[in-house]
Amino acid sequence: MVRLPLTPEELERGRRLGALLRRARGDRSMLDVALDAGVSPETLRKIETGRVATPAFPTIAAIAAVLGLSLDAVWAEISEARAPEQLAS
């Protein structure tokens, strides 16, 4: 199966997701959060740096739960910064 390249919007949403998770993690170590969420520290690092722009839903759900974030809040934050032309449609 060939994976299509990500759109600029998907890449930007991935960067916003990573920034949100880094802020929510605060002073907690990446290792502790990753292990509590049941993901590898490398996976969390890639998500936080935007290298994995479209992580699997269960992965994000697990990380959000560990960080005390609701999925609604995550979605609202990562999808709010849209270009004006996108908001008009």
Protein backbone atom coordinates (compact mmCIF):
# COMPACT_ATOMS: atom_id res chain seq x y z
CA MET A 1 0.00 0.00 0.00
CA VAL A 2 1.33 3.39 -1.01
CA ARG A 3 0.84 6.22 1.43
CA LEU A 4 -0.03 9.56 -0.11
CA PRO A 5 2.10 12.55 0.89
CA LEU A 6 0.63 14.66 3.65
CA THR A 7 -0.90 18.01 2.79
CA PRO A 8 0.55 21.22 4.21
CA GLU A 9 -2.55 21.45 6.42
CA GLU A 10 -1.97 17.97 7.84
CA LEU A 11 1.68 18.78 8.52
CA GLU A 12 0.72 22.01 10.30
CA ARG A 13 -1.93 20.21 12.36
CA GLY A 14 0.75 17.69 13.36
CA ARG A 15 3.04 20.51 14.50
CA ARG A 16 0.22 22.03 16.57
CA LEU A 17 -0.52 18.64 18.11
CA GLY A 18 3.12 18.19 19.07
CA ALA A 19 3.30 21.65 20.61
CA LEU A 20 0.11 21.01 22.60
CA LEU A 21 1.43 17.72 23.97
CA ARG A 22 4.79 19.29 24.92
CA ARG A 23 3.01 22.10 26.78
CA ALA A 24 0.67 19.67 28.54
CA ARG A 25 3.57 17.41 29.52
CA GLY A 26 5.24 20.34 31.28
CA ASP A 27 8.03 19.17 33.57
CA ARG A 28 7.12 15.50 33.32
CA SER A 29 9.71 13.43 31.55
CA MET A 30 8.98 12.14 28.09
CA LEU A 31 9.87 8.65 29.30
CA ASP A 32 7.34 8.72 32.15
CA VAL A 33 4.52 10.02 29.96
CA ALA A 34 5.26 7.55 27.17
CA LEU A 35 5.40 4.57 29.53
CA ASP A 36 2.21 5.63 31.32
CA ALA A 37 0.47 5.93 27.93
CA GLY A 38 1.79 2.58 26.72
CA VAL A 39 3.75 4.03 23.80
CA SER A 40 7.45 4.12 23.17
CA PRO A 41 9.38 7.25 24.11
CA GLU A 42 10.51 7.41 20.47
CA THR A 43 6.89 7.53 19.30
CA LEU A 44 6.09 10.34 21.73
CA ARG A 45 9.23 12.22 20.66
CA LYS A 46 8.27 11.94 16.99
CA ILE A 47 4.74 13.16 17.68
CA GLU A 48 5.96 16.07 19.81
CA THR A 49 8.42 17.17 17.13
CA GLY A 50 5.87 16.87 14.33
CA ARG A 51 7.71 14.03 12.58
CA VAL A 52 4.57 11.89 12.91
CA ALA A 53 1.91 14.34 11.78
CA THR A 54 -0.96 11.85 11.71
CA PRO A 55 -0.55 9.48 14.67
CA ALA A 56 -3.08 6.73 15.26
CA PHE A 57 -6.17 7.71 17.23
CA PRO A 58 -5.58 5.20 20.06
CA THR A 59 -2.07 6.61 20.51
CA ILE A 60 -3.32 10.16 20.87
CA ALA A 61 -6.18 9.05 23.11
CA ALA A 62 -3.74 7.26 25.45
CA ILE A 63 -1.32 10.20 25.60
CA ALA A 64 -4.14 12.70 26.12
CA ALA A 65 -5.55 10.61 28.97
CA VAL A 66 -2.19 10.49 30.73
CA LEU A 67 -1.82 14.26 30.33
CA GLY A 68 -5.36 14.97 31.53
CA LEU A 69 -6.48 16.37 28.17
CA SER A 70 -9.91 15.71 26.74
CA LEU A 71 -9.98 14.65 23.10
CA ASP A 72 -12.41 17.49 22.44
CA ALA A 73 -9.87 19.97 23.77
CA VAL A 74 -7.09 18.41 21.70
CA TRP A 75 -9.17 18.60 18.52
CA ALA A 76 -10.28 22.17 19.22
CA GLU A 77 -6.70 23.31 19.73
CA ILE A 78 -5.12 21.61 16.76
CA SER A 79 -7.86 22.57 14.33
CA GLU A 80 -8.44 26.18 15.40
CA ALA A 81 -5.56 27.85 13.55
CA ARG A 82 -7.03 27.81 10.06
CA ALA A 83 -6.38 30.19 7.24
CA PRO A 84 -9.13 32.82 6.69
CA GLU A 85 -10.12 31.27 3.34
CA GLN A 86 -10.75 27.95 5.11
CA LEU A 87 -12.94 29.56 7.73
CA ALA A 88 -15.18 31.10 5.07
CA SER A 89 -16.12 27.71 3.63
